[in-house]
Amino acid sequence: QVQLVESGGGLVEAGGSLRLSCVASGSIFSINTMGWYVQAPGKQRELVAAVTAGGYTHYAESVKGRFTISRDNAKNTMYLQMNSLKPEDSAVYYCAVETGLGHWGSWGQGTQVTVSS
């Protein structure tokens, strides 16, 4: 099984930046799409960004131009560079692996991002 460990969350003022990291175990990281989901209190999980093994990316409209997802397969690590943060970005951010088409079967513990006004 794949184990995922996120880090990099914290408290930041609006307009600031954070970089989230997700370290994955196993070689599955090299061939599967990975992504970041957000879950705000009382809300369902939403995909914020995804990156394929080949480096193709997807972003939610709300973060385009502000967030950048990337992966370093040699380090089994995925990143989310978050710039120009807004209070509405506040959520728990989860690292996830797509284990089947449209099925995200592996999840990290989550890291809290809080953006103050």
PDB file of N, CA and C in Angstrom:
ATOM      1  N   GLN A   1       0.818  -1.173   0.000  1.00  0.00           N
ATOM      2  CA  GLN A   1       0.000   0.000   0.000  1.00  0.00           C
ATOM      3  C   GLN A   1       0.873   1.251   0.000  1.00  0.00           C
ATOM      4  N   VAL A   2       0.268   2.334  -0.445  1.00  0.00           N
ATOM      5  CA  VAL A   2       0.957   3.611  -0.489  1.00  0.00           C
ATOM      6  C   VAL A   2       0.663   4.375   0.794  1.00  0.00           C
ATOM      7  N   GLN A   3       1.709   4.894   1.396  1.00  0.00           N
ATOM      8  CA  GLN A   3       1.554   5.773   2.545  1.00  0.00           C
ATOM      9  C   GLN A   3       1.949   7.184   2.145  1.00  0.00           C
ATOM     10  N   LEU A   4       1.161   8.142   2.583  1.00  0.00           N
ATOM     11  CA  LEU A   4       1.356   9.536   2.217  1.00  0.00           C
ATOM     12  C   LEU A   4       1.467  10.382   3.469  1.00  0.00           C
ATOM     13  N   VAL A   5       2.446  11.252   3.494  1.00  0.00           N
ATOM     14  CA  VAL A   5       2.660  12.130   4.632  1.00  0.00           C
ATOM     15  C   VAL A   5       2.782  13.559   4.138  1.00  0.00           C
ATOM     16  N   GLU A   6       1.853  14.407   4.573  1.00  0.00           N
ATOM     17  CA  GLU A   6       1.862  15.815   4.191  1.00  0.00           C
ATOM     18  C   GLU A   6       2.580  16.651   5.238  1.00  0.00           C
ATOM     19  N   SER A   7       3.084  17.774   4.781  1.00  0.00           N
ATOM     20  CA  SER A   7       3.667  18.746   5.680  1.00  0.00           C
ATOM     21  C   SER A   7       3.615  20.113   5.013  1.00  0.00           C
ATOM     22  N   GLY A   8       3.871  21.144   5.782  1.00  0.00           N
ATOM     23  CA  GLY A   8       3.983  22.484   5.239  1.00  0.00           C
ATOM     24  C   GLY A   8       2.831  23.409   5.533  1.00  0.00           C
ATOM     25  N   GLY A   9       1.765  22.895   6.122  1.00  0.00           N
ATOM     26  CA  GLY A   9       0.655  23.753   6.469  1.00  0.00           C
ATOM     27  C   GLY A   9       0.993  24.668   7.621  1.00  0.00           C
ATOM     28  N   GLY A  10       0.110  25.596   7.875  1.00  0.00           N
ATOM     29  CA  GLY A  10       0.320  26.526   8.961  1.00  0.00           C
ATOM     30  C   GLY A  10      -0.570  27.732   8.842  1.00  0.00           C
ATOM     31  N   LEU A  11      -0.228  28.739   9.612  1.00  0.00           N
ATOM     32  CA  LEU A  11      -0.971  29.990   9.634  1.00  0.00           C
ATOM     33  C   LEU A  11      -0.205  31.044   8.858  1.00  0.00           C
ATOM     34  N   VAL A  12      -0.888  31.698   7.949  1.00  0.00           N
ATOM     35  CA  VAL A  12      -0.258  32.723   7.131  1.00  0.00           C
ATOM     36  C   VAL A  12      -1.257  33.850   6.895  1.00  0.00           C
ATOM     37  N   GLU A  13      -0.746  35.047   6.743  1.00  0.00           N
ATOM     38  CA  GLU A  13      -1.607  36.181   6.448  1.00  0.00           C
ATOM     39  C   GLU A  13      -2.006  36.189   4.983  1.00  0.00           C
ATOM     40  N   ALA A  14      -3.143  36.794   4.704  1.00  0.00           N
ATOM     41  CA  ALA A  14      -3.587  36.931   3.324  1.00  0.00           C
ATOM     42  C   ALA A  14      -2.499  37.570   2.477  1.00  0.00           C
ATOM     43  N   GLY A  15      -2.307  37.010   1.291  1.00  0.00           N
ATOM     44  CA  GLY A  15      -1.266  37.483   0.401  1.00  0.00           C
ATOM     45  C   GLY A  15       0.040  36.750   0.549  1.00  0.00           C
ATOM     46  N   GLY A  16       0.148  35.949   1.587  1.00  0.00           N
ATOM     47  CA  GLY A  16       1.365  35.206   1.832  1.00  0.00           C
ATOM     48  C   GLY A  16       1.419  33.907   1.061  1.00  0.00           C
ATOM     49  N   SER A  17       2.442  33.125   1.360  1.00  0.00           N
ATOM     50  CA  SER A  17       2.689  31.886   0.635  1.00  0.00           C
ATOM     51  C   SER A  17       2.986  30.739   1.583  1.00  0.00           C
ATOM     52  N   LEU A  18       2.670  29.551   1.132  1.00  0.00           N
ATOM     53  CA  LEU A  18       3.042  28.315   1.793  1.00  0.00           C
ATOM     54  C   LEU A  18       3.409  27.303   0.722  1.00  0.00           C
ATOM     55  N   ARG A  19       4.230  26.351   1.089  1.00  0.00           N
ATOM     56  CA  ARG A  19       4.505  25.232   0.208  1.00  0.00           C
ATOM     57  C   ARG A  19       4.206  23.940   0.945  1.00  0.00           C
ATOM     58  N   LEU A  20       3.250  23.203   0.429  1.00  0.00           N
ATOM     59  CA  LEU A  20       2.904  21.913   0.988  1.00  0.00           C
ATOM     60  C   LEU A  20       3.724  20.828   0.309  1.00  0.00           C
ATOM     61  N   SER A  21       4.095  19.833   1.082  1.00  0.00           N
ATOM     62  CA  SER A  21       4.828  18.693   0.554  1.00  0.00           C
ATOM     63  C   SER A  21       4.107  17.413   0.920  1.00  0.00           C
ATOM     64  N   CYS A  22       4.214  16.431   0.059  1.00  0.00           N
ATOM     65  CA  CYS A  22       3.653  15.117   0.306  1.00  0.00           C
ATOM     66  C   CYS A  22       4.683  14.085  -0.107  1.00  0.00           C
ATOM     67  N   VAL A  23       5.111  13.295   0.850  1.00  0.00           N
ATOM     68  CA  VAL A  23       6.070  12.238   0.577  1.00  0.00           C
ATOM     69  C   VAL A  23       5.327  10.915   0.524  1.00  0.00           C
ATOM     70  N   ALA A  24       5.515  10.190  -0.548  1.00  0.00           N
ATOM     71  CA  ALA A  24       4.828   8.929  -0.769  1.00  0.00           C
ATOM     72  C   ALA A  24       5.793   7.765  -0.716  1.00  0.00           C
ATOM     73  N   SER A  25       5.308   6.663  -0.185  1.00  0.00           N
ATOM     74  CA  SER A  25       6.092   5.446  -0.171  1.00  0.00           C
ATOM     75  C   SER A  25       5.794   4.622  -1.412  1.00  0.00           C
ATOM     76  N   GLY A  26       6.753   3.804  -1.811  1.00  0.00           N
ATOM     77  CA  GLY A  26       6.521   2.864  -2.887  1.00  0.00           C
ATOM     78  C   GLY A  26       6.670   3.447  -4.274  1.00  0.00           C
ATOM     79  N   SER A  27       6.868   2.571  -5.225  1.00  0.00           N
ATOM     80  CA  SER A  27       7.079   2.985  -6.607  1.00  0.00           C
ATOM     81  C   SER A  27       5.793   3.408  -7.305  1.00  0.00           C
ATOM     82  N   ILE A  28       4.655   3.161  -6.693  1.00  0.00           N
ATOM     83  CA  ILE A  28       3.384   3.555  -7.290  1.00  0.00           C
ATOM     84  C   ILE A  28       3.347   5.052  -7.553  1.00  0.00           C
ATOM     85  N   PHE A  29       4.074   5.809  -6.762  1.00  0.00           N
ATOM     86  CA  PHE A  29       4.138   7.253  -6.939  1.00  0.00           C
ATOM     87  C   PHE A  29       4.575   7.634  -8.338  1.00  0.00           C
ATOM     88  N   SER A  30       5.400   6.822  -8.950  1.00  0.00           N
ATOM     89  CA  SER A  30       5.982   7.163 -10.236  1.00  0.00           C
ATOM     90  C   SER A  30       5.026   7.009 -11.409  1.00  0.00           C
ATOM     91  N   ILE A  31       3.947   6.271 -11.240  1.00  0.00           N
ATOM     92  CA  ILE A  31       3.056   5.988 -12.362  1.00  0.00           C
ATOM     93  C   ILE A  31       1.638   6.498 -12.179  1.00  0.00           C
ATOM     94  N   ASN A  32       1.282   6.887 -10.990  1.00  0.00           N
ATOM     95  CA  ASN A  32      -0.087   7.302 -10.720  1.00  0.00           C
ATOM     96  C   ASN A  32      -0.230   8.812 -10.657  1.00  0.00           C
ATOM     97  N   THR A  33      -1.415   9.263 -11.028  1.00  0.00           N
ATOM     98  CA  THR A  33      -1.758  10.655 -10.812  1.00  0.00           C
ATOM     99  C   THR A  33      -1.873  10.924  -9.314  1.00  0.00           C
ATOM    100  N   MET A  34      -1.382  12.063  -8.907  1.00  0.00           N
ATOM    101  CA  MET A  34      -1.494  12.484  -7.522  1.00  0.00           C
ATOM    102  C   MET A  34      -2.146  13.856  -7.474  1.00  0.00           C
ATOM    103  N   GLY A  35      -2.701  14.175  -6.335  1.00  0.00           N
ATOM    104  CA  GLY A  35      -3.353  15.459  -6.237  1.00  0.00           C
ATOM    105  C   GLY A  35      -3.509  15.938  -4.816  1.00  0.00           C
ATOM    106  N   TRP A  36      -3.956  17.159  -4.725  1.00  0.00           N
ATOM    107  CA  TRP A  36      -4.273  17.782  -3.456  1.00  0.00           C
ATOM    108  C   TRP A  36      -5.765  18.068  -3.405  1.00  0.00           C
ATOM    109  N   TYR A  37      -6.388  17.628  -2.336  1.00  0.00           N
ATOM    110  CA  TYR A  37      -7.780  17.929  -2.058  1.00  0.00           C
ATOM    111  C   TYR A  37      -7.860  18.859  -0.871  1.00  0.00           C
ATOM    112  N   VAL A  38      -8.924  19.637  -0.843  1.00  0.00           N
ATOM    113  CA  VAL A  38      -9.185  20.482   0.312  1.00  0.00           C
ATOM    114  C   VAL A  38     -10.507  20.083   0.929  1.00  0.00           C
ATOM    115  N   GLN A  39     -10.586  20.246   2.228  1.00  0.00           N
ATOM    116  CA  GLN A  39     -11.837  20.028   2.930  1.00  0.00           C
ATOM    117  C   GLN A  39     -11.967  21.075   4.030  1.00  0.00           C
ATOM    118  N   ALA A  40     -12.850  22.007   3.794  1.00  0.00           N
ATOM    119  CA  ALA A  40     -13.159  23.014   4.790  1.00  0.00           C
ATOM    120  C   ALA A  40     -14.225  22.471   5.723  1.00  0.00           C
ATOM    121  N   PRO A  41     -14.330  23.028   6.932  1.00  0.00           N
ATOM    122  CA  PRO A  41     -15.339  22.546   7.877  1.00  0.00           C
ATOM    123  C   PRO A  41     -16.734  22.547   7.278  1.00  0.00           C
ATOM    124  N   GLY A  42     -17.427  21.428   7.417  1.00  0.00           N
ATOM    125  CA  GLY A  42     -18.780  21.305   6.916  1.00  0.00           C
ATOM    126  C   GLY A  42     -18.902  21.148   5.416  1.00  0.00           C
ATOM    127  N   LYS A  43     -17.780  21.011   4.730  1.00  0.00           N
ATOM    128  CA  LYS A  43     -17.788  20.900   3.278  1.00  0.00           C
ATOM    129  C   LYS A  43     -17.270  19.540   2.836  1.00  0.00           C
ATOM    130  N   GLN A  44     -17.606  19.171   1.603  1.00  0.00           N
ATOM    131  CA  GLN A  44     -17.061  17.963   1.012  1.00  0.00           C
ATOM    132  C   GLN A  44     -15.660  18.228   0.481  1.00  0.00           C
ATOM    133  N   ARG A  45     -14.931  17.151   0.293  1.00  0.00           N
ATOM    134  CA  ARG A  45     -13.611  17.271  -0.290  1.00  0.00           C
ATOM    135  C   ARG A  45     -13.710  17.774  -1.723  1.00  0.00           C
ATOM    136  N   GLU A  46     -12.796  18.646  -2.087  1.00  0.00           N
ATOM    137  CA  GLU A  46     -12.736  19.179  -3.436  1.00  0.00           C
ATOM    138  C   GLU A  46     -11.312  19.101  -3.949  1.00  0.00           C
ATOM    139  N   LEU A  47     -11.177  18.705  -5.198  1.00  0.00           N
ATOM    140  CA  LEU A  47      -9.855  18.633  -5.812  1.00  0.00           C
ATOM    141  C   LEU A  47      -9.371  20.034  -6.132  1.00  0.00           C
ATOM    142  N   VAL A  48      -8.222  20.377  -5.609  1.00  0.00           N
ATOM    143  CA  VAL A  48      -7.655  21.685  -5.875  1.00  0.00           C
ATOM    144  C   VAL A  48      -6.621  21.633  -6.991  1.00  0.00           C
ATOM    145  N   ALA A  49      -5.876  20.554  -7.074  1.00  0.00           N
ATOM    146  CA  ALA A  49      -4.862  20.418  -8.111  1.00  0.00           C
ATOM    147  C   ALA A  49      -4.468  18.963  -8.246  1.00  0.00           C
ATOM    148  N   ALA A  50      -4.050  18.578  -9.434  1.00  0.00           N
ATOM    149  CA  ALA A  50      -3.592  17.219  -9.686  1.00  0.00           C
ATOM    150  C   ALA A  50      -2.453  17.252 -10.679  1.00  0.00           C
ATOM    151  N   VAL A  51      -1.614  16.245 -10.603  1.00  0.00           N
ATOM    152  CA  VAL A  51      -0.489  16.139 -11.512  1.00  0.00           C
ATOM    153  C   VAL A  51      -0.289  14.675 -11.877  1.00  0.00           C
ATOM    154  N   THR A  52      -0.141  14.402 -13.164  1.00  0.00           N
ATOM    155  CA  THR A  52       0.091  13.043 -13.622  1.00  0.00           C
ATOM    156  C   THR A  52       1.553  12.682 -13.459  1.00  0.00           C
ATOM    157  N   ALA A  53       1.841  11.394 -13.661  1.00  0.00           N
ATOM    158  CA  ALA A  53       3.219  10.945 -13.571  1.00  0.00           C
ATOM    159  C   ALA A  53       4.108  11.661 -14.580  1.00  0.00           C
ATOM    160  N   GLY A  54       3.526  12.038 -15.710  1.00  0.00           N
ATOM    161  CA  GLY A  54       4.277  12.734 -16.734  1.00  0.00           C
ATOM    162  C   GLY A  54       4.360  14.232 -16.557  1.00  0.00           C
ATOM    163  N   GLY A  55       3.717  14.748 -15.510  1.00  0.00           N
ATOM    164  CA  GLY A  55       3.831  16.157 -15.210  1.00  0.00           C
ATOM    165  C   GLY A  55       2.694  17.029 -15.716  1.00  0.00           C
ATOM    166  N   TYR A  56       1.670  16.441 -16.304  1.00  0.00           N
ATOM    167  CA  TYR A  56       0.523  17.228 -16.723  1.00  0.00           C
ATOM    168  C   TYR A  56      -0.298  17.623 -15.512  1.00  0.00           C
ATOM    169  N   THR A  57      -0.797  18.837 -15.519  1.00  0.00           N
ATOM    170  CA  THR A  57      -1.438  19.383 -14.326  1.00  0.00           C
ATOM    171  C   THR A  57      -2.871  19.809 -14.570  1.00  0.00           C
ATOM    172  N   HIS A  58      -3.608  19.848 -13.485  1.00  0.00           N
ATOM    173  CA  HIS A  58      -4.977  20.330 -13.460  1.00  0.00           C
ATOM    174  C   HIS A  58      -5.140  21.201 -12.226  1.00  0.00           C
ATOM    175  N   TYR A  59      -5.902  22.265 -12.369  1.00  0.00           N
ATOM    176  CA  TYR A  59      -6.176  23.147 -11.249  1.00  0.00           C
ATOM    177  C   TYR A  59      -7.648  23.497 -11.179  1.00  0.00           C
ATOM    178  N   ALA A  60      -8.130  23.603  -9.963  1.00  0.00           N
ATOM    179  CA  ALA A  60      -9.437  24.191  -9.773  1.00  0.00           C
ATOM    180  C   ALA A  60      -9.386  25.647 -10.210  1.00  0.00           C
ATOM    181  N   GLU A  61     -10.479  26.122 -10.745  1.00  0.00           N
ATOM    182  CA  GLU A  61     -10.508  27.482 -11.267  1.00  0.00           C
ATOM    183  C   GLU A  61     -10.130  28.507 -10.206  1.00  0.00           C
ATOM    184  N   SER A  62     -10.493  28.244  -8.978  1.00  0.00           N
ATOM    185  CA  SER A  62     -10.265  29.204  -7.918  1.00  0.00           C
ATOM    186  C   SER A  62      -8.798  29.416  -7.575  1.00  0.00           C
ATOM    187  N   VAL A  63      -7.938  28.492  -7.986  1.00  0.00           N
ATOM    188  CA  VAL A  63      -6.524  28.606  -7.626  1.00  0.00           C
ATOM    189  C   VAL A  63      -5.617  28.820  -8.823  1.00  0.00           C
ATOM    190  N   LYS A  64      -6.164  28.833 -10.015  1.00  0.00           N
ATOM    191  CA  LYS A  64      -5.346  29.042 -11.200  1.00  0.00           C
ATOM    192  C   LYS A  64      -4.615  30.373 -11.121  1.00  0.00           C
ATOM    193  N   GLY A  65      -3.345  30.327 -11.426  1.00  0.00           N
ATOM    194  CA  GLY A  65      -2.531  31.523 -11.368  1.00  0.00           C
ATOM    195  C   GLY A  65      -1.935  31.804 -10.015  1.00  0.00           C
ATOM    196  N   ARG A  66      -2.389  31.077  -8.988  1.00  0.00           N
ATOM    197  CA  ARG A  66      -1.881  31.288  -7.642  1.00  0.00           C
ATOM    198  C   ARG A  66      -1.145  30.063  -7.098  1.00  0.00           C
ATOM    199  N   PHE A  67      -1.650  28.881  -7.413  1.00  0.00           N
ATOM    200  CA  PHE A  67      -1.060  27.641  -6.913  1.00  0.00           C
ATOM    201  C   PHE A  67      -0.340  26.923  -8.037  1.00  0.00           C
ATOM    202  N   THR A  68       0.705  26.220  -7.692  1.00  0.00           N
ATOM    203  CA  THR A  68       1.435  25.401  -8.643  1.00  0.00           C
ATOM    204  C   THR A  68       1.690  24.030  -8.046  1.00  0.00           C
ATOM    205  N   ILE A  69       1.245  23.003  -8.748  1.00  0.00           N
ATOM    206  CA  ILE A  69       1.489  21.641  -8.303  1.00  0.00           C
ATOM    207  C   ILE A  69       2.656  21.066  -9.093  1.00  0.00           C
ATOM    208  N   SER A  70       3.454  20.274  -8.435  1.00  0.00           N
ATOM    209  CA  SER A  70       4.590  19.648  -9.092  1.00  0.00           C
ATOM    210  C   SER A  70       4.923  18.349  -8.377  1.00  0.00           C
ATOM    211  N   ARG A  71       5.757  17.561  -9.002  1.00  0.00           N
ATOM    212  CA  ARG A  71       6.197  16.321  -8.371  1.00  0.00           C
ATOM    213  C   ARG A  71       7.633  16.031  -8.745  1.00  0.00           C
ATOM    214  N   ASP A  72       8.310  15.399  -7.831  1.00  0.00           N
ATOM    215  CA  ASP A  72       9.680  14.962  -8.035  1.00  0.00           C
ATOM    216  C   ASP A  72       9.669  13.461  -7.806  1.00  0.00           C
ATOM    217  N   ASN A  73       9.603  12.713  -8.882  1.00  0.00           N
ATOM    218  CA  ASN A  73       9.478  11.269  -8.757  1.00  0.00           C
ATOM    219  C   ASN A  73      10.704  10.628  -8.104  1.00  0.00           C
ATOM    220  N   ALA A  74      11.866  11.218  -8.321  1.00  0.00           N
ATOM    221  CA  ALA A  74      13.073  10.685  -7.715  1.00  0.00           C
ATOM    222  C   ALA A  74      13.016  10.758  -6.197  1.00  0.00           C
ATOM    223  N   LYS A  75      12.308  11.756  -5.680  1.00  0.00           N
ATOM    224  CA  LYS A  75      12.168  11.934  -4.241  1.00  0.00           C
ATOM    225  C   LYS A  75      10.840  11.421  -3.709  1.00  0.00           C
ATOM    226  N   ASN A  76      10.006  10.870  -4.591  1.00  0.00           N
ATOM    227  CA  ASN A  76       8.664  10.428  -4.204  1.00  0.00           C
ATOM    228  C   ASN A  76       7.906  11.534  -3.479  1.00  0.00           C
ATOM    229  N   THR A  77       8.024  12.726  -4.000  1.00  0.00           N
ATOM    230  CA  THR A  77       7.460  13.884  -3.328  1.00  0.00           C
ATOM    231  C   THR A  77       6.633  14.729  -4.291  1.00  0.00           C
ATOM    232  N   MET A  78       5.503  15.186  -3.809  1.00  0.00           N
ATOM    233  CA  MET A  78       4.647  16.102  -4.540  1.00  0.00           C
ATOM    234  C   MET A  78       4.551  17.391  -3.748  1.00  0.00           C
ATOM    235  N   TYR A  79       4.446  18.494  -4.465  1.00  0.00           N
ATOM    236  CA  TYR A  79       4.405  19.801  -3.831  1.00  0.00           C
ATOM    237  C   TYR A  79       3.196  20.596  -4.296  1.00  0.00           C
ATOM    238  N   LEU A  80       2.777  21.489  -3.445  1.00  0.00           N
ATOM    239  CA  LEU A  80       1.799  22.494  -3.827  1.00  0.00           C
ATOM    240  C   LEU A  80       2.318  23.840  -3.341  1.00  0.00           C
ATOM    241  N   GLN A  81       2.787  24.638  -4.280  1.00  0.00           N
ATOM    242  CA  GLN A  81       3.215  25.982  -3.968  1.00  0.00           C
ATOM    243  C   GLN A  81       1.994  26.882  -3.990  1.00  0.00           C
ATOM    244  N   MET A  82       1.720  27.515  -2.875  1.00  0.00           N
ATOM    245  CA  MET A  82       0.517  28.311  -2.706  1.00  0.00           C
ATOM    246  C   MET A  82       0.926  29.765  -2.504  1.00  0.00           C
ATOM    247  N   ASN A  83       0.610  30.597  -3.472  1.00  0.00           N
ATOM    248  CA  ASN A  83       0.930  32.012  -3.414  1.00  0.00           C
ATOM    249  C   ASN A  83      -0.344  32.838  -3.383  1.00  0.00           C
ATOM    250  N   SER A  84      -0.197  34.085  -2.993  1.00  0.00           N
ATOM    251  CA  SER A  84      -1.327  35.008  -2.939  1.00  0.00           C
ATOM    252  C   SER A  84      -2.507  34.395  -2.209  1.00  0.00           C
ATOM    253  N   LEU A  85      -2.234  33.838  -1.059  1.00  0.00           N
ATOM    254  CA  LEU A  85      -3.259  33.113  -0.321  1.00  0.00           C
ATOM    255  C   LEU A  85      -4.379  34.033   0.149  1.00  0.00           C
ATOM    256  N   LYS A  86      -5.567  33.476   0.142  1.00  0.00           N
ATOM    257  CA  LYS A  86      -6.774  34.178   0.551  1.00  0.00           C
ATOM    258  C   LYS A  86      -7.406  33.453   1.729  1.00  0.00           C
ATOM    259  N   PRO A  87      -8.165  34.162   2.556  1.00  0.00           N
ATOM    260  CA  PRO A  87      -8.838  33.487   3.669  1.00  0.00           C
ATOM    261  C   PRO A  87      -9.691  32.304   3.224  1.00  0.00           C
ATOM    262  N   GLU A  88     -10.293  32.388   2.059  1.00  0.00           N
ATOM    263  CA  GLU A  88     -11.122  31.299   1.576  1.00  0.00           C
ATOM    264  C   GLU A  88     -10.327  30.060   1.183  1.00  0.00           C
ATOM    265  N   ASP A  89      -9.007  30.167   1.135  1.00  0.00           N
ATOM    266  CA  ASP A  89      -8.165  28.999   0.911  1.00  0.00           C
ATOM    267  C   ASP A  89      -8.011  28.159   2.166  1.00  0.00           C
ATOM    268  N   SER A  90      -8.435  28.684   3.299  1.00  0.00           N
ATOM    269  CA  SER A  90      -8.284  27.971   4.562  1.00  0.00           C
ATOM    270  C   SER A  90      -9.036  26.653   4.522  1.00  0.00           C
ATOM    271  N   ALA A  91      -8.338  25.586   4.832  1.00  0.00           N
ATOM    272  CA  ALA A  91      -8.921  24.250   4.794  1.00  0.00           C
ATOM    273  C   ALA A  91      -7.862  23.259   5.240  1.00  0.00           C
ATOM    274  N   VAL A  92      -8.294  22.026   5.413  1.00  0.00           N
ATOM    275  CA  VAL A  92      -7.352  20.934   5.547  1.00  0.00           C
ATOM    276  C   VAL A  92      -7.017  20.446   4.146  1.00  0.00           C
ATOM    277  N   TYR A  93      -5.747  20.364   3.856  1.00  0.00           N
ATOM    278  CA  TYR A  93      -5.283  19.922   2.547  1.00  0.00           C
ATOM    279  C   TYR A  93      -4.780  18.494   2.654  1.00  0.00           C
ATOM    280  N   TYR A  94      -5.295  17.648   1.781  1.00  0.00           N
ATOM    281  CA  TYR A  94      -4.959  16.241   1.783  1.00  0.00           C
ATOM    282  C   TYR A  94      -4.220  15.852   0.511  1.00  0.00           C
ATOM    283  N   CYS A  95      -3.166  15.130   0.667  1.00  0.00           N
ATOM    284  CA  CYS A  95      -2.475  14.492  -0.436  1.00  0.00           C
ATOM    285  C   CYS A  95      -3.201  13.207  -0.789  1.00  0.00           C
ATOM    286  N   ALA A  96      -3.353  12.924  -2.070  1.00  0.00           N
ATOM    287  CA  ALA A  96      -4.068  11.728  -2.486  1.00  0.00           C
ATOM    288  C   ALA A  96      -3.456  11.145  -3.745  1.00  0.00           C
ATOM    289  N   VAL A  97      -3.672   9.852  -3.916  1.00  0.00           N
ATOM    290  CA  VAL A  97      -3.208   9.127  -5.090  1.00  0.00           C
ATOM    291  C   VAL A  97      -4.408   8.532  -5.802  1.00  0.00           C
ATOM    292  N   GLU A  98      -4.460   8.697  -7.105  1.00  0.00           N
ATOM    293  CA  GLU A  98      -5.518   8.101  -7.911  1.00  0.00           C
ATOM    294  C   GLU A  98      -5.132   6.656  -8.196  1.00  0.00           C
ATOM    295  N   THR A  99      -5.831   5.741  -7.574  1.00  0.00           N
ATOM    296  CA  THR A  99      -5.516   4.329  -7.707  1.00  0.00           C
ATOM    297  C   THR A  99      -6.328   3.634  -8.792  1.00  0.00           C
ATOM    298  N   GLY A 100      -7.304   4.289  -9.321  1.00  0.00           N
ATOM    299  CA  GLY A 100      -8.089   3.852 -10.461  1.00  0.00           C
ATOM    300  C   GLY A 100      -8.631   5.089 -11.131  1.00  0.00           C
ATOM    301  N   LEU A 101      -9.122   4.930 -12.362  1.00  0.00           N
ATOM    302  CA  LEU A 101      -9.646   6.093 -13.067  1.00  0.00           C
ATOM    303  C   LEU A 101     -10.776   6.732 -12.267  1.00  0.00           C
ATOM    304  N   GLY A 102     -10.530   7.937 -11.837  1.00  0.00           N
ATOM    305  CA  GLY A 102     -11.525   8.651 -11.059  1.00  0.00           C
ATOM    306  C   GLY A 102     -11.656   8.215  -9.623  1.00  0.00           C
ATOM    307  N   HIS A 103     -10.837   7.271  -9.196  1.00  0.00           N
ATOM    308  CA  HIS A 103     -10.905   6.785  -7.824  1.00  0.00           C
ATOM    309  C   HIS A 103      -9.628   7.134  -7.084  1.00  0.00           C
ATOM    310  N   TRP A 104      -9.779   7.910  -6.049  1.00  0.00           N
ATOM    311  CA  TRP A 104      -8.652   8.308  -5.221  1.00  0.00           C
ATOM    312  C   TRP A 104      -8.633   7.429  -3.992  1.00  0.00           C
ATOM    313  N   GLY A 105      -7.749   6.459  -4.009  1.00  0.00           N
ATOM    314  CA  GLY A 105      -7.791   5.402  -3.016  1.00  0.00           C
ATOM    315  C   GLY A 105      -6.804   5.505  -1.874  1.00  0.00           C
ATOM    316  N   SER A 106      -5.846   6.392  -1.970  1.00  0.00           N
ATOM    317  CA  SER A 106      -4.857   6.555  -0.913  1.00  0.00           C
ATOM    318  C   SER A 106      -4.817   8.001  -0.476  1.00  0.00           C
ATOM    319  N   TRP A 107      -4.798   8.193   0.838  1.00  0.00           N
ATOM    320  CA  TRP A 107      -4.886   9.537   1.405  1.00  0.00           C
ATOM    321  C   TRP A 107      -3.903   9.734   2.531  1.00  0.00           C
ATOM    322  N   GLY A 108      -3.403  10.950   2.622  1.00  0.00           N
ATOM    323  CA  GLY A 108      -2.599  11.316   3.764  1.00  0.00           C
ATOM    324  C   GLY A 108      -3.469  11.771   4.918  1.00  0.00           C
ATOM    325  N   GLN A 109      -2.835  12.176   5.990  1.00  0.00           N
ATOM    326  CA  GLN A 109      -3.542  12.600   7.190  1.00  0.00           C
ATOM    327  C   GLN A 109      -4.088  14.015   7.093  1.00  0.00           C
ATOM    328  N   GLY A 110      -3.556  14.795   6.191  1.00  0.00           N
ATOM    329  CA  GLY A 110      -3.991  16.165   6.025  1.00  0.00           C
ATOM    330  C   GLY A 110      -3.106  17.146   6.762  1.00  0.00           C
ATOM    331  N   THR A 111      -3.026  18.340   6.233  1.00  0.00           N
ATOM    332  CA  THR A 111      -2.295  19.414   6.885  1.00  0.00           C
ATOM    333  C   THR A 111      -3.144  20.678   6.823  1.00  0.00           C
ATOM    334  N   GLN A 112      -3.248  21.349   7.955  1.00  0.00           N
ATOM    335  CA  GLN A 112      -4.133  22.501   8.075  1.00  0.00           C
ATOM    336  C   GLN A 112      -3.481  23.749   7.511  1.00  0.00           C
ATOM    337  N   VAL A 113      -4.222  24.424   6.658  1.00  0.00           N
ATOM    338  CA  VAL A 113      -3.819  25.727   6.147  1.00  0.00           C
ATOM    339  C   VAL A 113      -4.829  26.749   6.627  1.00  0.00           C
ATOM    340  N   THR A 114      -4.350  27.763   7.312  1.00  0.00           N
ATOM    341  CA  THR A 114      -5.213  28.822   7.796  1.00  0.00           C
ATOM    342  C   THR A 114      -4.674  30.155   7.312  1.00  0.00           C
ATOM    343  N   VAL A 115      -5.511  30.895   6.619  1.00  0.00           N
ATOM    344  CA  VAL A 115      -5.128  32.189   6.068  1.00  0.00           C
ATOM    345  C   VAL A 115      -5.945  33.262   6.766  1.00  0.00           C
ATOM    346  N   SER A 116      -5.267  34.159   7.428  1.00  0.00           N
ATOM    347  CA  SER A 116      -5.936  35.226   8.152  1.00  0.00           C
ATOM    348  C   SER A 116      -6.088  36.461   7.277  1.00  0.00           C
ATOM    349  N   SER A 117      -7.052  37.295   7.624  1.00  0.00           N
ATOM    350  CA  SER A 117      -7.301  38.516   6.869  1.00  0.00           C
ATOM    351  C   SER A 117      -6.280  39.582   7.194  1.00  0.00           C
TER     352      SER A 117
END
